[in-house]
Amino acid sequence: MLHRRVRAQLEREGRDPAFVINGPIARMVRMARELETVRNRLDLTDGSSGLYEAITLLPPRQFTVIVLRHLMEYPTHQIARFMGLDERTVDYHGRKGRERLRVHLRLPADPNRKRKGRAQ
């Protein structure tokens, strides 16, 4: 909020910021903007399969992981850094997101997938 006010004030006065955000912070800002752009595009896309609509219905963390990993092809370590999560937690949200999409799209379960707690 404060950042927006300062930026707006500088723009009204025709001044540039005293410093430029670069490096990891700039990458995070860019990733957040790209993610929002993808969400907006998915909302507008009319796919016959319903995949894009299903992705937009995912909870925020699952949506973020699915989009960054599968649509924007970011590696897990970058997603983890962006989200402030451990890489294993990112993998967890990816699995849960894919499972939720599978159920929403009424796709069959993978018969080769091992399930926890089941005797083999």
C-alpha atoms as a PDB file:
ATOM      1  CA  MET A   1       0.000   0.000   0.000  1.00  0.00           C
ATOM      2  CA  LEU A   2       2.701   2.481   0.974  1.00  0.00           C
ATOM      3  CA  HIS A   3       4.776   1.417  -2.036  1.00  0.00           C
ATOM      4  CA  ARG A   4       1.883   2.244  -4.381  1.00  0.00           C
ATOM      5  CA  ARG A   5       1.374   5.646  -2.796  1.00  0.00           C
ATOM      6  CA  VAL A   6       5.054   6.525  -3.050  1.00  0.00           C
ATOM      7  CA  ARG A   7       5.209   5.340  -6.661  1.00  0.00           C
ATOM      8  CA  ALA A   8       2.066   7.320  -7.553  1.00  0.00           C
ATOM      9  CA  GLN A   9       3.487  10.434  -5.901  1.00  0.00           C
ATOM     10  CA  LEU A  10       6.771  10.070  -7.781  1.00  0.00           C
ATOM     11  CA  GLU A  11       4.890   9.636 -11.057  1.00  0.00           C
ATOM     12  CA  ARG A  12       2.812  12.779 -10.401  1.00  0.00           C
ATOM     13  CA  GLU A  13       6.022  14.695  -9.764  1.00  0.00           C
ATOM     14  CA  GLY A  14       7.712  13.173 -12.820  1.00  0.00           C
ATOM     15  CA  ARG A  15      10.540  11.709 -10.740  1.00  0.00           C
ATOM     16  CA  ASP A  16      12.223   8.323 -10.914  1.00  0.00           C
ATOM     17  CA  PRO A  17      12.622   6.171  -7.777  1.00  0.00           C
ATOM     18  CA  ALA A  18      15.861   6.614  -5.880  1.00  0.00           C
ATOM     19  CA  PHE A  19      16.722   2.934  -6.361  1.00  0.00           C
ATOM     20  CA  VAL A  20      15.811   0.187  -8.762  1.00  0.00           C
ATOM     21  CA  ILE A  21      14.589  -3.170  -7.551  1.00  0.00           C
ATOM     22  CA  ASN A  22      16.705  -5.877  -9.142  1.00  0.00           C
ATOM     23  CA  GLY A  23      17.955  -9.362  -8.545  1.00  0.00           C
ATOM     24  CA  PRO A  24      15.824 -11.845  -6.587  1.00  0.00           C
ATOM     25  CA  ILE A  25      13.211  -9.268  -5.582  1.00  0.00           C
ATOM     26  CA  ALA A  26      12.638  -8.235  -9.182  1.00  0.00           C
ATOM     27  CA  ARG A  27      12.283 -11.888 -10.202  1.00  0.00           C
ATOM     28  CA  MET A  28       9.685 -12.415  -7.471  1.00  0.00           C
ATOM     29  CA  VAL A  29       7.738  -9.328  -8.538  1.00  0.00           C
ATOM     30  CA  ARG A  30       7.878 -10.442 -12.180  1.00  0.00           C
ATOM     31  CA  MET A  31       6.750 -13.963 -11.239  1.00  0.00           C
ATOM     32  CA  ALA A  32       3.800 -12.569  -9.277  1.00  0.00           C
ATOM     33  CA  ARG A  33       2.762 -10.406 -12.236  1.00  0.00           C
ATOM     34  CA  GLU A  34       3.084 -13.330 -14.648  1.00  0.00           C
ATOM     35  CA  LEU A  35       1.014 -15.497 -12.332  1.00  0.00           C
ATOM     36  CA  GLU A  36      -1.762 -12.895 -12.200  1.00  0.00           C
ATOM     37  CA  THR A  37      -1.658 -12.564 -15.993  1.00  0.00           C
ATOM     38  CA  VAL A  38      -2.028 -16.329 -16.381  1.00  0.00           C
ATOM     39  CA  ARG A  39      -4.958 -16.376 -13.944  1.00  0.00           C
ATOM     40  CA  ASN A  40      -6.704 -13.644 -15.962  1.00  0.00           C
ATOM     41  CA  ARG A  41      -6.068 -15.479 -19.239  1.00  0.00           C
ATOM     42  CA  LEU A  42      -7.386 -18.747 -17.824  1.00  0.00           C
ATOM     43  CA  ASP A  43     -10.548 -16.979 -16.679  1.00  0.00           C
ATOM     44  CA  LEU A  44     -11.123 -15.783 -20.253  1.00  0.00           C
ATOM     45  CA  THR A  45     -10.187 -19.027 -22.018  1.00  0.00           C
ATOM     46  CA  ASP A  46     -13.036 -21.137 -23.281  1.00  0.00           C
ATOM     47  CA  GLY A  47     -11.622 -24.642 -23.354  1.00  0.00           C
ATOM     48  CA  SER A  48     -13.788 -27.577 -24.281  1.00  0.00           C
ATOM     49  CA  SER A  49     -12.041 -29.848 -21.793  1.00  0.00           C
ATOM     50  CA  GLY A  50     -12.732 -27.609 -18.790  1.00  0.00           C
ATOM     51  CA  LEU A  51      -9.089 -27.834 -17.693  1.00  0.00           C
ATOM     52  CA  TYR A  52      -8.504 -24.088 -17.518  1.00  0.00           C
ATOM     53  CA  GLU A  53     -11.692 -23.522 -15.578  1.00  0.00           C
ATOM     54  CA  ALA A  54     -10.742 -26.343 -13.200  1.00  0.00           C
ATOM     55  CA  ILE A  55      -7.313 -24.780 -12.631  1.00  0.00           C
ATOM     56  CA  THR A  56      -8.901 -21.436 -11.694  1.00  0.00           C
ATOM     57  CA  LEU A  57     -11.051 -23.250  -9.110  1.00  0.00           C
ATOM     58  CA  LEU A  58      -8.049 -24.656  -7.228  1.00  0.00           C
ATOM     59  CA  PRO A  59      -7.168 -23.258  -3.792  1.00  0.00           C
ATOM     60  CA  PRO A  60      -4.541 -20.480  -4.031  1.00  0.00           C
ATOM     61  CA  ARG A  61      -1.449 -22.552  -3.169  1.00  0.00           C
ATOM     62  CA  GLN A  62      -2.414 -25.410  -5.472  1.00  0.00           C
ATOM     63  CA  PHE A  63      -3.247 -22.948  -8.259  1.00  0.00           C
ATOM     64  CA  THR A  64       0.112 -21.212  -7.842  1.00  0.00           C
ATOM     65  CA  VAL A  65       2.105 -24.452  -7.917  1.00  0.00           C
ATOM     66  CA  ILE A  66       0.201 -25.926 -10.885  1.00  0.00           C
ATOM     67  CA  VAL A  67       0.505 -22.759 -12.967  1.00  0.00           C
ATOM     68  CA  LEU A  68       4.132 -22.024 -12.138  1.00  0.00           C
ATOM     69  CA  ARG A  69       5.257 -25.623 -12.579  1.00  0.00           C
ATOM     70  CA  HIS A  70       3.181 -26.895 -15.492  1.00  0.00           C
ATOM     71  CA  LEU A  71       2.199 -23.822 -17.484  1.00  0.00           C
ATOM     72  CA  MET A  72       5.152 -21.519 -16.862  1.00  0.00           C
ATOM     73  CA  GLU A  73       7.730 -24.314 -16.355  1.00  0.00           C
ATOM     74  CA  TYR A  74       9.420 -22.904 -13.251  1.00  0.00           C
ATOM     75  CA  PRO A  75      11.566 -25.387 -11.288  1.00  0.00           C
ATOM     76  CA  THR A  76      10.470 -26.440  -7.817  1.00  0.00           C
ATOM     77  CA  HIS A  77      13.225 -24.531  -6.002  1.00  0.00           C
ATOM     78  CA  GLN A  78      12.127 -21.229  -7.586  1.00  0.00           C
ATOM     79  CA  ILE A  79       8.482 -21.897  -6.776  1.00  0.00           C
ATOM     80  CA  ALA A  80       9.446 -22.706  -3.191  1.00  0.00           C
ATOM     81  CA  ARG A  81      11.398 -19.472  -2.868  1.00  0.00           C
ATOM     82  CA  PHE A  82       8.581 -17.427  -4.421  1.00  0.00           C
ATOM     83  CA  MET A  83       5.971 -18.951  -2.121  1.00  0.00           C
ATOM     84  CA  GLY A  84       8.179 -19.034   0.970  1.00  0.00           C
ATOM     85  CA  LEU A  85       7.720 -22.790   1.326  1.00  0.00           C
ATOM     86  CA  ASP A  86       9.927 -25.847   1.558  1.00  0.00           C
ATOM     87  CA  GLU A  87      10.347 -27.714  -1.733  1.00  0.00           C
ATOM     88  CA  ARG A  88       8.576 -30.750  -0.243  1.00  0.00           C
ATOM     89  CA  THR A  89       5.567 -28.575   0.572  1.00  0.00           C
ATOM     90  CA  VAL A  90       5.520 -27.312  -3.021  1.00  0.00           C
ATOM     91  CA  ASP A  91       5.537 -30.943  -4.213  1.00  0.00           C
ATOM     92  CA  TYR A  92       2.678 -31.709  -1.813  1.00  0.00           C
ATOM     93  CA  HIS A  93       0.537 -28.859  -3.169  1.00  0.00           C
ATOM     94  CA  GLY A  94       1.371 -29.977  -6.708  1.00  0.00           C
ATOM     95  CA  ARG A  95       0.193 -33.523  -5.970  1.00  0.00           C
ATOM     96  CA  LYS A  96      -2.972 -32.317  -4.257  1.00  0.00           C
ATOM     97  CA  GLY A  97      -3.681 -29.886  -7.105  1.00  0.00           C
ATOM     98  CA  ARG A  98      -3.250 -32.583  -9.761  1.00  0.00           C
ATOM     99  CA  GLU A  99      -5.504 -34.933  -7.776  1.00  0.00           C
ATOM    100  CA  ARG A 100      -8.163 -32.242  -7.415  1.00  0.00           C
ATOM    101  CA  LEU A 101      -7.995 -31.577 -11.172  1.00  0.00           C
ATOM    102  CA  ARG A 102      -8.268 -35.307 -11.889  1.00  0.00           C
ATOM    103  CA  VAL A 103     -11.403 -35.572  -9.772  1.00  0.00           C
ATOM    104  CA  HIS A 104     -12.936 -32.361 -11.169  1.00  0.00           C
ATOM    105  CA  LEU A 105     -12.329 -33.511 -14.756  1.00  0.00           C
ATOM    106  CA  ARG A 106     -13.546 -37.036 -13.945  1.00  0.00           C
ATOM    107  CA  LEU A 107     -10.351 -38.685 -15.130  1.00  0.00           C
ATOM    108  CA  PRO A 108      -9.470 -42.224 -13.994  1.00  0.00           C
ATOM    109  CA  ALA A 109      -6.959 -42.726 -11.215  1.00  0.00           C
ATOM    110  CA  ASP A 110      -3.500 -43.962 -12.171  1.00  0.00           C
ATOM    111  CA  PRO A 111      -3.558 -47.721 -11.463  1.00  0.00           C
ATOM    112  CA  ASN A 112       0.245 -47.768 -11.020  1.00  0.00           C
ATOM    113  CA  ARG A 113       0.239 -45.085  -8.331  1.00  0.00           C
ATOM    114  CA  LYS A 114       1.125 -46.396  -4.905  1.00  0.00           C
ATOM    115  CA  ARG A 115      -1.118 -45.218  -2.096  1.00  0.00           C
ATOM    116  CA  LYS A 116       0.046 -44.619   1.442  1.00  0.00           C
ATOM    117  CA  GLY A 117      -1.184 -47.015   4.043  1.00  0.00           C
ATOM    118  CA  ARG A 118      -2.037 -49.747   1.582  1.00  0.00           C
ATOM    119  CA  ALA A 119      -0.455 -53.167   1.770  1.00  0.00           C
ATOM    120  CA  GLN A 120       1.142 -54.083  -1.527  1.00  0.00           C
END
